[in-house]
Structure formats: C-alpha cells, structure tokens
PDB file of N, CA and C in Angstrom:
ATOM      1  N   UNK A   1     -47.721  45.909  21.156  1.00  0.00           N
ATOM      2  CA  UNK A   1     -47.333  45.404  19.997  1.00  0.00           C
ATOM      3  C   UNK A   1     -47.192  45.531  18.440  1.00  0.00           C
ATOM      4  N   UNK A   2     -46.705  44.702  18.108  1.00  0.00           N
ATOM      5  CA  UNK A   2     -46.149  45.293  16.818  1.00  0.00           C
ATOM      6  C   UNK A   2     -47.310  44.968  15.652  1.00  0.00           C
ATOM      7  N   UNK A   3     -47.657  46.007  14.788  1.00  0.00           N
ATOM      8  CA  UNK A   3     -48.096  46.055  13.936  1.00  0.00           C
ATOM      9  C   UNK A   3     -48.096  45.132  12.749  1.00  0.00           C
ATOM     10  N   UNK A   4     -48.946  44.486  12.003  1.00  0.00           N
ATOM     11  CA  UNK A   4     -48.692  42.976  11.357  1.00  0.00           C
ATOM     12  C   UNK A   4     -47.580  43.483  10.223  1.00  0.00           C
ATOM     13  N   UNK A   5     -47.991  44.828   9.521  1.00  0.00           N
ATOM     14  CA  UNK A   5     -46.964  45.237   8.116  1.00  0.00           C
ATOM     15  C   UNK A   5     -45.334  45.288   8.997  1.00  0.00           C
ATOM     16  N   UNK A   6     -45.047  45.138   9.989  1.00  0.00           N
ATOM     17  CA  UNK A   6     -43.774  45.384  10.654  1.00  0.00           C
ATOM     18  C   UNK A   6     -42.987  43.861  11.034  1.00  0.00           C
ATOM     19  N   UNK A   7     -43.744  43.133  11.070  1.00  0.00           N
ATOM     20  CA  UNK A   7     -43.680  41.689  11.307  1.00  0.00           C
ATOM     21  C   UNK A   7     -42.667  41.098  10.230  1.00  0.00           C
ATOM     22  N   UNK A   8     -43.343  41.298   8.975  1.00  0.00           N
ATOM     23  CA  UNK A   8     -42.732  40.976   7.799  1.00  0.00           C
ATOM     24  C   UNK A   8     -41.346  41.169   7.813  1.00  0.00           C
ATOM     25  N   UNK A   9     -41.368  42.390   7.889  1.00  0.00           N
ATOM     26  CA  UNK A   9     -39.772  43.348   7.793  1.00  0.00           C
ATOM     27  C   UNK A   9     -38.781  42.675   9.110  1.00  0.00           C
ATOM     28  N   UNK A  10     -39.236  42.386  10.066  1.00  0.00           N
ATOM     29  CA  UNK A  10     -38.542  41.817  11.180  1.00  0.00           C
ATOM     30  C   UNK A  10     -38.174  40.500  10.526  1.00  0.00           C
ATOM     31  N   UNK A  11     -39.013  39.812  10.215  1.00  0.00           N
ATOM     32  CA  UNK A  11     -38.300  38.506   9.797  1.00  0.00           C
ATOM     33  C   UNK A  11     -37.334  38.536   8.603  1.00  0.00           C
ATOM     34  N   UNK A  12     -37.734  39.292   7.715  1.00  0.00           N
ATOM     35  CA  UNK A  12     -36.360  39.423   6.852  1.00  0.00           C
ATOM     36  C   UNK A  12     -35.529  40.088   7.479  1.00  0.00           C
ATOM     37  N   UNK A  13     -34.991  40.923   8.137  1.00  0.00           N
ATOM     38  CA  UNK A  13     -34.336  41.258   8.914  1.00  0.00           C
ATOM     39  C   UNK A  13     -33.341  40.256   9.613  1.00  0.00           C
ATOM     40  N   UNK A  14     -34.131  39.584  10.324  1.00  0.00           N
ATOM     41  CA  UNK A  14     -33.493  38.338  11.035  1.00  0.00           C
ATOM     42  C   UNK A  14     -32.908  37.154  10.112  1.00  0.00           C
ATOM     43  N   UNK A  15     -33.487  37.065   8.810  1.00  0.00           N
ATOM     44  CA  UNK A  15     -33.181  36.001   8.207  1.00  0.00           C
ATOM     45  C   UNK A  15     -31.635  36.695   7.271  1.00  0.00           C
ATOM     46  N   UNK A  16     -31.873  37.718   6.933  1.00  0.00           N
ATOM     47  CA  UNK A  16     -30.633  38.357   6.531  1.00  0.00           C
ATOM     48  C   UNK A  16     -29.354  38.484   7.116  1.00  0.00           C
ATOM     49  N   UNK A  17     -29.831  38.574   8.661  1.00  0.00           N
ATOM     50  CA  UNK A  17     -28.590  38.338   9.410  1.00  0.00           C
ATOM     51  C   UNK A  17     -27.893  37.009   9.484  1.00  0.00           C
ATOM     52  N   UNK A  18     -28.960  36.149   9.502  1.00  0.00           N
ATOM     53  CA  UNK A  18     -28.769  34.495   9.393  1.00  0.00           C
ATOM     54  C   UNK A  18     -27.893  34.072   8.346  1.00  0.00           C
ATOM     55  N   UNK A  19     -28.321  34.574   7.574  1.00  0.00           N
ATOM     56  CA  UNK A  19     -27.494  34.557   5.679  1.00  0.00           C
ATOM     57  C   UNK A  19     -26.053  35.010   5.985  1.00  0.00           C
ATOM     58  N   UNK A  20     -25.800  36.564   6.281  1.00  0.00           N
ATOM     59  CA  UNK A  20     -24.600  36.777   6.827  1.00  0.00           C
ATOM     60  C   UNK A  20     -23.741  35.816   7.502  1.00  0.00           C
ATOM     61  N   UNK A  21     -24.004  35.740   8.539  1.00  0.00           N
ATOM     62  CA  UNK A  21     -23.493  34.890   9.505  1.00  0.00           C
ATOM     63  C   UNK A  21     -22.947  33.512   9.011  1.00  0.00           C
ATOM     64  N   UNK A  22     -24.096  32.564   8.335  1.00  0.00           N
ATOM     65  CA  UNK A  22     -23.696  31.632   7.706  1.00  0.00           C
ATOM     66  C   UNK A  22     -22.476  31.859   6.693  1.00  0.00           C
ATOM     67  N   UNK A  23     -22.499  32.529   5.811  1.00  0.00           N
ATOM     68  CA  UNK A  23     -21.451  33.209   5.270  1.00  0.00           C
ATOM     69  C   UNK A  23     -20.126  32.699   5.425  1.00  0.00           C
ATOM     70  N   UNK A  24     -19.897  32.890   6.609  1.00  0.00           N
ATOM     71  CA  UNK A  24     -18.643  32.946   7.068  1.00  0.00           C
ATOM     72  C   UNK A  24     -18.407  31.826   7.908  1.00  0.00           C
ATOM     73  N   UNK A  25     -19.310  31.116   8.308  1.00  0.00           N
ATOM     74  CA  UNK A  25     -18.912  29.637   8.942  1.00  0.00           C
ATOM     75  C   UNK A  25     -19.020  28.154   8.128  1.00  0.00           C
ATOM     76  N   UNK A  26     -19.554  28.503   6.890  1.00  0.00           N
ATOM     77  CA  UNK A  26     -19.437  27.459   6.200  1.00  0.00           C
ATOM     78  C   UNK A  26     -18.399  27.446   4.866  1.00  0.00           C
ATOM     79  N   UNK A  27     -17.206  26.475   5.048  1.00  0.00           N
ATOM     80  CA  UNK A  27     -16.456  26.784   3.760  1.00  0.00           C
ATOM     81  C   UNK A  27     -16.717  26.636   2.584  1.00  0.00           C
ATOM     82  N   UNK A  28     -16.166  27.166   1.485  1.00  0.00           N
ATOM     83  CA  UNK A  28     -16.523  27.464   0.093  1.00  0.00           C
ATOM     84  C   UNK A  28     -16.797  26.262  -0.481  1.00  0.00           C
ATOM     85  N   UNK A  29     -16.312  24.949  -0.025  1.00  0.00           N
ATOM     86  CA  UNK A  29     -16.424  23.778  -0.722  1.00  0.00           C
ATOM     87  C   UNK A  29     -17.408  22.876   0.096  1.00  0.00           C
ATOM     88  N   UNK A  30     -18.259  23.266   0.838  1.00  0.00           N
ATOM     89  CA  UNK A  30     -18.844  23.015   1.785  1.00  0.00           C
ATOM     90  C   UNK A  30     -19.980  21.502   1.036  1.00  0.00           C
ATOM     91  N   UNK A  31     -20.567  21.939  -0.499  1.00  0.00           N
ATOM     92  CA  UNK A  31     -21.372  20.878  -1.078  1.00  0.00           C
ATOM     93  C   UNK A  31     -20.437  19.820  -1.617  1.00  0.00           C
ATOM     94  N   UNK A  32     -19.052  20.072  -1.236  1.00  0.00           N
ATOM     95  CA  UNK A  32     -18.226  18.686  -1.747  1.00  0.00           C
ATOM     96  C   UNK A  32     -17.809  17.874  -0.573  1.00  0.00           C
ATOM     97  N   UNK A  33     -18.380  18.059   0.607  1.00  0.00           N
ATOM     98  CA  UNK A  33     -17.796  17.463   1.730  1.00  0.00           C
ATOM     99  C   UNK A  33     -18.285  16.195   1.752  1.00  0.00           C
ATOM    100  N   UNK A  34     -19.503  15.910   1.378  1.00  0.00           N
ATOM    101  CA  UNK A  34     -20.098  14.534   1.508  1.00  0.00           C
ATOM    102  C   UNK A  34     -19.311  13.488   0.528  1.00  0.00           C
ATOM    103  N   UNK A  35     -18.982  13.900  -0.440  1.00  0.00           N
ATOM    104  CA  UNK A  35     -18.306  13.195  -1.453  1.00  0.00           C
ATOM    105  C   UNK A  35     -16.425  13.174  -0.834  1.00  0.00           C
ATOM    106  N   UNK A  36     -16.525  13.842  -0.705  1.00  0.00           N
ATOM    107  CA  UNK A  36     -14.866  13.741   0.110  1.00  0.00           C
ATOM    108  C   UNK A  36     -14.608  12.701   1.097  1.00  0.00           C
ATOM    109  N   UNK A  37     -15.853  13.072   2.211  1.00  0.00           N
ATOM    110  CA  UNK A  37     -15.780  11.784   3.280  1.00  0.00           C
ATOM    111  C   UNK A  37     -15.770  10.547   2.984  1.00  0.00           C
ATOM    112  N   UNK A  38     -16.342  10.151   1.755  1.00  0.00           N
ATOM    113  CA  UNK A  38     -17.017   8.889   1.349  1.00  0.00           C
ATOM    114  C   UNK A  38     -15.497   8.370   0.615  1.00  0.00           C
ATOM    115  N   UNK A  39     -14.842   9.095  -0.403  1.00  0.00           N
ATOM    116  CA  UNK A  39     -13.680   9.054  -0.376  1.00  0.00           C
ATOM    117  C   UNK A  39     -12.581   8.691   0.415  1.00  0.00           C
ATOM    118  N   UNK A  40     -12.440   9.639   1.801  1.00  0.00           N
ATOM    119  CA  UNK A  40     -11.917   9.184   2.324  1.00  0.00           C
ATOM    120  C   UNK A  40     -12.075   7.646   3.303  1.00  0.00           C
ATOM    121  N   UNK A  41     -13.360   7.651   3.271  1.00  0.00           N
ATOM    122  CA  UNK A  41     -13.630   6.368   4.118  1.00  0.00           C
ATOM    123  C   UNK A  41     -13.237   5.437   3.327  1.00  0.00           C
ATOM    124  N   UNK A  42     -13.130   5.230   2.100  1.00  0.00           N
ATOM    125  CA  UNK A  42     -12.861   4.002   0.913  1.00  0.00           C
ATOM    126  C   UNK A  42     -11.076   3.862   1.024  1.00  0.00           C
ATOM    127  N   UNK A  43     -10.642   4.822   0.936  1.00  0.00           N
ATOM    128  CA  UNK A  43      -9.279   4.875   1.249  1.00  0.00           C
ATOM    129  C   UNK A  43      -8.982   4.016   2.668  1.00  0.00           C
ATOM    130  N   UNK A  44      -9.532   4.846   3.713  1.00  0.00           N
ATOM    131  CA  UNK A  44      -9.230   4.076   4.883  1.00  0.00           C
ATOM    132  C   UNK A  44      -9.599   2.442   4.784  1.00  0.00           C
ATOM    133  N   UNK A  45     -10.802   1.877   4.541  1.00  0.00           N
ATOM    134  CA  UNK A  45     -11.221   0.748   3.974  1.00  0.00           C
ATOM    135  C   UNK A  45      -9.969  -0.112   3.098  1.00  0.00           C
ATOM    136  N   UNK A  46      -9.266   0.566   2.006  1.00  0.00           N
ATOM    137  CA  UNK A  46      -8.274  -0.053   1.344  1.00  0.00           C
ATOM    138  C   UNK A  46      -7.084  -0.329   2.349  1.00  0.00           C
ATOM    139  N   UNK A  47      -6.824   0.542   2.736  1.00  0.00           N
ATOM    140  CA  UNK A  47      -5.469   0.718   3.966  1.00  0.00           C
ATOM    141  C   UNK A  47      -5.650  -0.563   4.949  1.00  0.00           C
ATOM    142  N   UNK A  48      -6.536  -0.639   5.330  1.00  0.00           N
ATOM    143  CA  UNK A  48      -6.954  -1.494   6.439  1.00  0.00           C
ATOM    144  C   UNK A  48      -6.761  -2.934   5.863  1.00  0.00           C
ATOM    145  N   UNK A  49      -7.404  -3.146   4.612  1.00  0.00           N
ATOM    146  CA  UNK A  49      -7.451  -4.201   3.957  1.00  0.00           C
ATOM    147  C   UNK A  49      -6.287  -4.680   3.676  1.00  0.00           C
ATOM    148  N   UNK A  50      -4.723  -3.851   3.117  1.00  0.00           N
ATOM    149  CA  UNK A  50      -3.988  -4.517   2.968  1.00  0.00           C
ATOM    150  C   UNK A  50      -2.614  -4.674   4.352  1.00  0.00           C
ATOM    151  N   UNK A  51      -3.238  -4.647   5.485  1.00  0.00           N
ATOM    152  CA  UNK A  51      -2.418  -4.486   6.348  1.00  0.00           C
ATOM    153  C   UNK A  51      -2.022  -6.025   6.709  1.00  0.00           C
ATOM    154  N   UNK A  52      -0.799  -6.137   6.768  1.00  0.00           N
ATOM    155  CA  UNK A  52      -0.612  -7.559   7.321  1.00  0.00           C
ATOM    156  C   UNK A  52       0.184  -7.549   8.756  1.00  0.00           C
ATOM    157  N   UNK A  53      -0.370  -8.069   9.833  1.00  0.00           N
ATOM    158  CA  UNK A  53      -0.236  -7.821  11.123  1.00  0.00           C
ATOM    159  C   UNK A  53       1.050  -8.657  11.220  1.00  0.00           C
ATOM    160  N   UNK A  54       1.589  -9.519  10.420  1.00  0.00           N
ATOM    161  CA  UNK A  54       2.755 -10.265  10.833  1.00  0.00           C
ATOM    162  C   UNK A  54       3.849  -9.630  10.102  1.00  0.00           C
ATOM    163  N   UNK A  55       4.065  -8.712   9.542  1.00  0.00           N
ATOM    164  CA  UNK A  55       4.731  -7.672   9.141  1.00  0.00           C
ATOM    165  C   UNK A  55       5.349  -6.711  10.092  1.00  0.00           C
ATOM    166  N   UNK A  56       4.490  -6.511  11.073  1.00  0.00           N
ATOM    167  CA  UNK A  56       4.888  -5.488  12.063  1.00  0.00           C
ATOM    168  C   UNK A  56       5.529  -5.878  13.265  1.00  0.00           C
ATOM    169  N   UNK A  57       6.243  -6.771  13.288  1.00  0.00           N
ATOM    170  CA  UNK A  57       7.116  -7.611  14.158  1.00  0.00           C
ATOM    171  C   UNK A  57       8.363  -6.631  14.347  1.00  0.00           C
ATOM    172  N   UNK A  58       8.918  -6.723  15.378  1.00  0.00           N
ATOM    173  CA  UNK A  58      10.018  -6.043  15.764  1.00  0.00           C
ATOM    174  C   UNK A  58      11.056  -6.572  15.676  1.00  0.00           C
ATOM    175  N   UNK A  59      12.419  -6.322  14.819  1.00  0.00           N
ATOM    176  CA  UNK A  59      13.399  -7.217  14.682  1.00  0.00           C
ATOM    177  C   UNK A  59      14.800  -6.206  15.066  1.00  0.00           C
ATOM    178  N   UNK A  60      16.098  -6.738  15.569  1.00  0.00           N
ATOM    179  CA  UNK A  60      16.982  -6.262  15.973  1.00  0.00           C
ATOM    180  C   UNK A  60      18.173  -7.427  15.684  1.00  0.00           C
ATOM    181  N   UNK A  61      18.373  -7.508  14.252  1.00  0.00           N
ATOM    182  CA  UNK A  61      19.683  -8.172  13.823  1.00  0.00           C
ATOM    183  C   UNK A  61      21.120  -7.467  14.396  1.00  0.00           C
ATOM    184  N   UNK A  62      21.681  -8.368  15.091  1.00  0.00           N
ATOM    185  CA  UNK A  62      23.039  -8.288  15.737  1.00  0.00           C
ATOM    186  C   UNK A  62      23.051  -7.542  17.191  1.00  0.00           C
ATOM    187  N   UNK A  63      21.904  -7.880  17.980  1.00  0.00           N
ATOM    188  CA  UNK A  63      21.721  -7.351  18.912  1.00  0.00           C
ATOM    189  C   UNK A  63      21.953  -8.774  19.724  1.00  0.00           C
ATOM    190  N   UNK A  64      22.369  -8.664  20.834  1.00  0.00           N
ATOM    191  CA  UNK A  64      22.380  -9.620  21.796  1.00  0.00           C
ATOM    192  C   UNK A  64      21.281  -9.861  22.992  1.00  0.00           C
ATOM    193  N   UNK A  65      20.562 -11.107  22.646  1.00  0.00           N
ATOM    194  CA  UNK A  65      19.546 -11.390  23.601  1.00  0.00           C
ATOM    195  C   UNK A  65      19.348 -11.296  25.031  1.00  0.00           C
ATOM    196  N   UNK A  66      19.016 -10.290  25.841  1.00  0.00           N
ATOM    197  CA  UNK A  66      18.942  -9.980  27.056  1.00  0.00           C
ATOM    198  C   UNK A  66      18.629 -11.431  28.033  1.00  0.00           C
ATOM    199  N   UNK A  67      17.621 -12.183  27.322  1.00  0.00           N
ATOM    200  CA  UNK A  67      17.721 -13.462  28.072  1.00  0.00           C
ATOM    201  C   UNK A  67      18.546 -14.676  27.988  1.00  0.00           C
ATOM    202  N   UNK A  68      19.010 -15.166  26.459  1.00  0.00           N
ATOM    203  CA  UNK A  68      19.515 -16.012  26.499  1.00  0.00           C
ATOM    204  C   UNK A  68      20.891 -16.111  26.014  1.00  0.00           C
ATOM    205  N   UNK A  69      21.430 -14.860  25.608  1.00  0.00           N
ATOM    206  CA  UNK A  69      23.046 -14.307  25.583  1.00  0.00           C
ATOM    207  C   UNK A  69      23.332 -14.431  24.441  1.00  0.00           C
ATOM    208  N   UNK A  70      22.375 -15.080  22.802  1.00  0.00           N
ATOM    209  CA  UNK A  70      22.701 -15.393  21.943  1.00  0.00           C
ATOM    210  C   UNK A  70      22.587 -14.097  20.746  1.00  0.00           C
ATOM    211  N   UNK A  71      23.259 -14.041  19.618  1.00  0.00           N
ATOM    212  CA  UNK A  71      23.162 -12.861  18.879  1.00  0.00           C
ATOM    213  C   UNK A  71      21.720 -13.319  18.096  1.00  0.00           C
ATOM    214  N   UNK A  72      20.815 -11.969  18.289  1.00  0.00           N
ATOM    215  CA  UNK A  72      19.663 -12.075  17.386  1.00  0.00           C
ATOM    216  C   UNK A  72      20.107 -12.085  15.626  1.00  0.00           C
ATOM    217  N   UNK A  73      19.309 -13.180  15.064  1.00  0.00           N
ATOM    218  CA  UNK A  73      19.762 -13.477  13.833  1.00  0.00           C
ATOM    219  C   UNK A  73      18.596 -12.459  12.894  1.00  0.00           C
ATOM    220  N   UNK A  74      18.679 -12.487  11.864  1.00  0.00           N
ATOM    221  CA  UNK A  74      17.528 -11.461  11.203  1.00  0.00           C
ATOM    222  C   UNK A  74      16.530 -12.177  10.799  1.00  0.00           C
ATOM    223  N   UNK A  75      15.377 -11.872  10.887  1.00  0.00           N
ATOM    224  CA  UNK A  75      14.356 -12.749  10.450  1.00  0.00           C
ATOM    225  C   UNK A  75      13.476 -13.173  12.124  1.00  0.00           C
ATOM    226  N   UNK A  76      14.594 -13.130  12.997  1.00  0.00           N
ATOM    227  CA  UNK A  76      13.809 -13.501  14.186  1.00  0.00           C
ATOM    228  C   UNK A  76      13.373 -12.406  15.080  1.00  0.00           C
ATOM    229  N   UNK A  77      11.869 -12.652  15.567  1.00  0.00           N
ATOM    230  CA  UNK A  77      10.968 -11.871  16.363  1.00  0.00           C
ATOM    231  C   UNK A  77      12.011 -11.478  17.436  1.00  0.00           C
ATOM    232  N   UNK A  78      11.625 -10.162  17.773  1.00  0.00           N
ATOM    233  CA  UNK A  78      12.340  -9.485  18.795  1.00  0.00           C
ATOM    234  C   UNK A  78      11.281  -8.738  19.566  1.00  0.00           C
ATOM    235  N   UNK A  79      11.420  -8.275  21.144  1.00  0.00           N
ATOM    236  CA  UNK A  79      10.723  -7.291  21.637  1.00  0.00           C
ATOM    237  C   UNK A  79      12.049  -6.650  22.374  1.00  0.00           C
ATOM    238  N   UNK A  80      11.797  -5.469  22.538  1.00  0.00           N
ATOM    239  CA  UNK A  80      12.324  -4.510  23.454  1.00  0.00           C
ATOM    240  C   UNK A  80      12.068  -4.233  25.168  1.00  0.00           C
ATOM    241  N   UNK A  81      12.688  -4.894  25.899  1.00  0.00           N
ATOM    242  CA  UNK A  81      12.566  -4.792  26.998  1.00  0.00           C
ATOM    243  C   UNK A  81      12.472  -3.172  27.817  1.00  0.00           C
ATOM    244  N   UNK A  82      11.717  -2.748  28.976  1.00  0.00           N
ATOM    245  CA  UNK A  82      11.978  -1.665  29.413  1.00  0.00           C
ATOM    246  C   UNK A  82      13.055  -1.149  29.891  1.00  0.00           C
ATOM    247  N   UNK A  83      14.068  -1.877  29.973  1.00  0.00           N
ATOM    248  CA  UNK A  83      15.408  -1.616  30.423  1.00  0.00           C
ATOM    249  C   UNK A  83      15.874  -1.521  29.202  1.00  0.00           C
ATOM    250  N   UNK A  84      15.495  -1.385  27.812  1.00  0.00           N
ATOM    251  CA  UNK A  84      16.310  -0.868  26.891  1.00  0.00           C
ATOM    252  C   UNK A  84      17.021  -1.802  26.298  1.00  0.00           C
ATOM    253  N   UNK A  85      17.166  -3.304  26.434  1.00  0.00           N
ATOM    254  CA  UNK A  85      17.940  -4.291  25.637  1.00  0.00           C
ATOM    255  C   UNK A  85      16.997  -5.295  25.027  1.00  0.00           C
ATOM    256  N   UNK A  86      17.269  -5.602  24.116  1.00  0.00           N
ATOM    257  CA  UNK A  86      16.662  -6.428  23.116  1.00  0.00           C
ATOM    258  C   UNK A  86      16.375  -7.958  23.497  1.00  0.00           C
ATOM    259  N   UNK A  87      15.365  -8.463  23.106  1.00  0.00           N
ATOM    260  CA  UNK A  87      15.329 -10.260  23.137  1.00  0.00           C
ATOM    261  C   UNK A  87      14.428 -10.834  22.806  1.00  0.00           C
ATOM    262  N   UNK A  88      14.942 -12.037  22.438  1.00  0.00           N
ATOM    263  CA  UNK A  88      13.948 -12.824  21.557  1.00  0.00           C
ATOM    264  C   UNK A  88      12.560 -12.809  22.147  1.00  0.00           C
ATOM    265  N   UNK A  89      11.674 -13.191  20.899  1.00  0.00           N
ATOM    266  CA  UNK A  89      10.031 -13.225  21.208  1.00  0.00           C
ATOM    267  C   UNK A  89       9.927 -14.557  21.890  1.00  0.00           C
ATOM    268  N   UNK A  90      10.736 -15.962  21.419  1.00  0.00           N
ATOM    269  CA  UNK A  90      10.904 -16.968  21.570  1.00  0.00           C
ATOM    270  C   UNK A  90      12.349 -17.011  21.720  1.00  0.00           C
ATOM    271  N   UNK A  91      13.140 -17.611  22.610  1.00  0.00           N
ATOM    272  CA  UNK A  91      14.088 -18.007  22.325  1.00  0.00           C
ATOM    273  C   UNK A  91      14.900 -19.430  21.816  1.00  0.00           C
ATOM    274  N   UNK A  92      15.809 -19.404  21.108  1.00  0.00           N
ATOM    275  CA  UNK A  92      15.922 -20.653  20.162  1.00  0.00           C
ATOM    276  C   UNK A  92      16.100 -21.795  21.198  1.00  0.00           C
ATOM    277  N   UNK A  93      15.582 -23.152  20.885  1.00  0.00           N
ATOM    278  CA  UNK A  93      16.022 -24.314  21.610  1.00  0.00           C
ATOM    279  C   UNK A  93      17.508 -24.127  21.748  1.00  0.00           C
ATOM    280  N   UNK A  94      17.511 -24.802  23.028  1.00  0.00           N
ATOM    281  CA  UNK A  94      18.879 -25.211  23.710  1.00  0.00           C
ATOM    282  C   UNK A  94      19.799 -24.041  24.120  1.00  0.00           C
ATOM    283  N   UNK A  95      19.167 -23.073  24.013  1.00  0.00           N
ATOM    284  CA  UNK A  95      19.654 -21.701  24.668  1.00  0.00           C
ATOM    285  C   UNK A  95      19.434 -21.801  25.881  1.00  0.00           C
ATOM    286  N   UNK A  96      20.629 -21.344  26.859  1.00  0.00           N
ATOM    287  CA  UNK A  96      20.793 -21.230  28.113  1.00  0.00           C
ATOM    288  C   UNK A  96      19.251 -20.193  28.573  1.00  0.00           C
ATOM    289  N   UNK A  97      18.615 -19.808  29.426  1.00  0.00           N
ATOM    290  CA  UNK A  97      17.620 -18.757  29.718  1.00  0.00           C
ATOM    291  C   UNK A  97      18.142 -18.198  30.915  1.00  0.00           C
ATOM    292  N   UNK A  98      18.611 -17.267  31.172  1.00  0.00           N
ATOM    293  CA  UNK A  98      19.200 -16.269  31.889  1.00  0.00           C
ATOM    294  C   UNK A  98      17.998 -15.013  32.519  1.00  0.00           C
ATOM    295  N   UNK A  99      17.203 -15.188  33.684  1.00  0.00           N
ATOM    296  CA  UNK A  99      16.567 -14.319  33.664  1.00  0.00           C
ATOM    297  C   UNK A  99      17.199 -13.292  34.583  1.00  0.00           C
TER     298      UNK A  99
END
C-alpha cells in the first residue's frame, strides 16, 4: 500500500504525462476549429443554394446521334452511350429512330 503523501505525487506525474501527450495531439489552432467548421458549413450551404440542376446537362454539338443519325445541335441535351457514341436525350420529331 502506498502512503498518502505519495499518492498526490503519483497523480501529478500522471497528469504531467497526459499534458505532454496532448500537446502533440492537438493542433495549434484547435480553439478556432468550431468557428472554422461553422464557416465551412455556411459556404457549403451557399454552394448548394446556387446549384442549377438543369445547367448540368451533357451536350455534344456537331456529333451524330447514334439513335436517329441527325447532327446534334447546340442546346440539345444528349447522353453518352456505353459504346462511346452520343445520342439525343429526346430525338427531334420526325427523325427515324434506329436501334
């Protein structure tokens, strides 16, 4: 059994070792981390608020549609097939569709 006067010294030594370890673990700017996280979340929210899903459509003007054989015009939405050829998202009316 350890005498009472040595118990305080043992506790102090343990806390000193923990403090030494924690100096290496925490970054220098750890106190600013919550504010930085809030700022990053606000920036992400602004980015998603400004997204326009319609502006993300694939377009391939000048390519030949693999389905109807017509030239894909600027502004027509397209998709890239697995074989690497482009096709209209919706082929123009009156175009012969070949599968």
